[in-house]
């Protein structure tokens, strides 16, 4: 049962951070990667299915939504395992980000490019054989998450 607290005065304005969910779909030792296209941000780079938390939704609900939107698969929230958290600074726009990485080897459906206007390739790759043009946060996570729960980038 959650507790409700009465707010008796206006709280000061707080720092805001962008929160994202990132999905590591793993099959036979390989991870699903998609290549960004036509978005105006990191086009031509491989990444994993991911997206921002919309607000008013749980992290796992956002991860379910993003997996369906980007690669057309359904993942039961109970099949997600939180494997990594990254706190990073984006020097291009001065916005800090907090990324939650969820891993799963179970989903319903065959992955495909469900948003062809935002991505143009889908591949499976091991962490050690990632394409040259893979986003740095994805590269670092895939090479660290099994031994490190938290990482920081661009500080």
Protein backbone atom coordinates (compact mmCIF):
# COMPACT_ATOMS: atom_id res chain seq x y z
CA UNK A 1 0.00 0.00 0.00
CA UNK A 2 1.50 3.35 -1.02
CA UNK A 3 1.51 6.30 1.32
CA UNK A 4 0.19 9.70 0.30
CA UNK A 5 1.77 12.83 1.71
CA UNK A 6 0.19 16.24 1.90
CA UNK A 7 2.31 19.04 0.41
CA UNK A 8 1.94 22.17 2.50
CA UNK A 9 4.31 24.48 0.60
CA UNK A 10 5.66 24.80 -2.91
CA UNK A 11 8.87 22.83 -3.37
CA UNK A 12 11.83 24.52 -5.05
CA UNK A 13 12.44 23.91 -8.75
CA UNK A 14 14.56 20.78 -9.13
CA UNK A 15 17.13 19.59 -11.60
CA UNK A 16 15.65 17.54 -14.48
CA UNK A 17 17.25 14.64 -16.29
CA UNK A 18 16.25 12.70 -19.41
CA UNK A 19 15.51 9.05 -18.60
CA UNK A 20 15.67 6.29 -21.19
CA UNK A 21 15.00 2.58 -21.32
CA UNK A 22 17.25 0.37 -23.44
CA UNK A 23 16.51 -3.21 -24.42
CA UNK A 24 19.17 -5.88 -24.88
CA UNK A 25 17.49 -8.61 -26.91
CA UNK A 26 19.90 -11.53 -26.71
CA UNK A 27 19.79 -14.66 -28.85
CA UNK A 28 22.53 -17.28 -29.16
CA UNK A 29 25.13 -14.94 -27.67
CA UNK A 30 24.28 -12.07 -30.01
CA UNK A 31 22.45 -8.77 -29.46
CA UNK A 32 19.89 -7.16 -31.72
CA UNK A 33 21.10 -3.86 -33.19
CA UNK A 34 19.26 -1.38 -35.37
CA UNK A 35 20.81 1.38 -37.45
CA UNK A 36 19.38 4.87 -37.01
CA UNK A 37 18.24 6.73 -40.13
CA UNK A 38 16.39 9.95 -41.02
CA UNK A 39 16.15 11.17 -37.41
CA UNK A 40 18.72 13.95 -37.43
CA UNK A 41 20.55 12.40 -34.45
CA UNK A 42 23.28 9.76 -34.85
CA UNK A 43 21.97 8.63 -38.22
CA UNK A 44 24.09 5.81 -39.61
CA UNK A 45 24.99 4.48 -36.15
CA UNK A 46 23.89 1.17 -34.69
CA UNK A 47 22.09 1.11 -31.39
CA UNK A 48 19.69 -1.12 -29.48
CA UNK A 49 15.93 -0.64 -29.18
CA UNK A 50 15.50 2.27 -26.79
CA UNK A 51 13.50 5.34 -26.02
CA UNK A 52 12.65 7.97 -23.47
CA UNK A 53 10.37 7.49 -20.53
CA UNK A 54 7.16 9.34 -21.36
CA UNK A 55 6.19 10.02 -17.76
CA UNK A 56 3.32 8.37 -15.96
CA UNK A 57 4.69 4.92 -16.85
CA UNK A 58 6.89 2.38 -15.11
CA UNK A 59 10.35 1.71 -16.52
CA UNK A 60 9.40 -1.81 -17.60
CA UNK A 61 6.18 -0.54 -19.22
CA UNK A 62 8.27 1.93 -21.23
CA UNK A 63 10.64 -0.87 -22.25
CA UNK A 64 7.69 -3.02 -23.39
CA UNK A 65 6.35 -0.08 -25.40
CA UNK A 66 9.69 0.72 -27.03
CA UNK A 67 10.37 -2.91 -28.00
CA UNK A 68 6.96 -3.07 -29.70
CA UNK A 69 7.35 0.33 -31.40
CA UNK A 70 10.89 -0.18 -32.70
CA UNK A 71 11.24 -3.89 -33.49
CA UNK A 72 7.68 -5.22 -33.31
CA UNK A 73 8.10 -7.72 -30.47
CA UNK A 74 6.16 -8.13 -27.25
CA UNK A 75 8.10 -8.71 -24.03
CA UNK A 76 6.41 -9.66 -20.79
CA UNK A 77 7.70 -7.23 -18.13
CA UNK A 78 8.54 -10.15 -15.82
CA UNK A 79 11.04 -11.37 -18.45
CA UNK A 80 13.15 -8.21 -18.15
CA UNK A 81 16.26 -8.17 -16.01
CA UNK A 82 17.81 -4.82 -15.12
CA UNK A 83 21.47 -5.30 -16.02
CA UNK A 84 23.01 -1.84 -16.22
CA UNK A 85 22.48 1.84 -15.44
CA UNK A 86 24.46 4.59 -17.17
CA UNK A 87 24.66 8.23 -16.12
CA UNK A 88 25.96 10.26 -19.03
CA UNK A 89 26.40 13.80 -20.18
CA UNK A 90 25.61 14.73 -23.74
CA UNK A 91 28.10 17.45 -24.52
CA UNK A 92 26.19 18.45 -27.66
CA UNK A 93 23.09 19.66 -25.84
CA UNK A 94 24.20 19.97 -22.19
CA UNK A 95 21.53 17.48 -21.12
CA UNK A 96 22.30 14.74 -18.64
CA UNK A 97 20.79 11.34 -19.20
CA UNK A 98 20.05 8.35 -17.01
CA UNK A 99 19.82 5.15 -19.06
CA UNK A 100 18.34 1.90 -17.75
CA UNK A 101 19.37 -1.25 -19.64
CA UNK A 102 17.09 -4.28 -19.52
CA UNK A 103 18.09 -7.68 -20.90
CA UNK A 104 15.90 -10.53 -22.05
CA UNK A 105 16.14 -13.70 -24.09
CA UNK A 106 12.35 -14.13 -24.28
CA UNK A 107 9.89 -12.28 -26.48
CA UNK A 108 6.93 -12.93 -28.75
CA UNK A 109 7.33 -12.29 -32.46
CA UNK A 110 10.21 -12.01 -34.88
CA UNK A 111 12.10 -8.70 -34.65
CA UNK A 112 11.79 -6.43 -37.69
CA UNK A 113 12.18 -2.73 -38.46
CA UNK A 114 8.82 -1.55 -37.16
CA UNK A 115 9.77 2.11 -37.70
CA UNK A 116 11.43 2.10 -41.14
CA UNK A 117 11.27 5.90 -41.18
CA UNK A 118 13.69 5.93 -38.21
CA UNK A 119 15.94 2.93 -38.90
CA UNK A 120 17.23 1.15 -41.99
CA UNK A 121 19.05 -2.01 -40.87
CA UNK A 122 18.68 -4.74 -38.28
CA UNK A 123 21.51 -7.13 -37.39
CA UNK A 124 22.58 -9.52 -34.65
CA UNK A 125 26.09 -9.00 -33.27
CA UNK A 126 28.28 -10.17 -30.43
CA UNK A 127 29.69 -7.55 -28.08
CA UNK A 128 33.18 -8.24 -29.40
CA UNK A 129 32.22 -7.79 -33.08
CA UNK A 130 30.10 -4.64 -33.01
CA UNK A 131 30.00 -2.57 -36.20
CA UNK A 132 32.45 0.34 -36.27
CA UNK A 133 29.58 2.82 -36.21
CA UNK A 134 27.94 1.73 -32.94
CA UNK A 135 26.88 4.35 -30.39
CA UNK A 136 29.47 4.64 -27.62
CA UNK A 137 26.98 4.16 -24.77
CA UNK A 138 25.79 0.90 -26.38
CA UNK A 139 29.34 -0.31 -27.03
CA UNK A 140 30.38 0.40 -23.43
CA UNK A 141 27.29 -1.20 -21.95
CA UNK A 142 27.59 -4.40 -23.99
CA UNK A 143 31.21 -4.74 -22.93
CA UNK A 144 30.65 -3.92 -19.25
CA UNK A 145 27.20 -4.87 -18.03
CA UNK A 146 28.07 -8.43 -16.98
CA UNK A 147 30.67 -7.14 -14.50
CA UNK A 148 29.52 -3.60 -13.77
CA UNK A 149 26.02 -2.43 -12.81
CA UNK A 150 26.78 1.30 -13.10
CA UNK A 151 28.85 3.30 -15.55
CA UNK A 152 29.35 6.97 -16.33
CA UNK A 153 30.11 8.51 -19.71
CA UNK A 154 31.39 11.93 -20.82
CA UNK A 155 32.25 13.34 -17.39
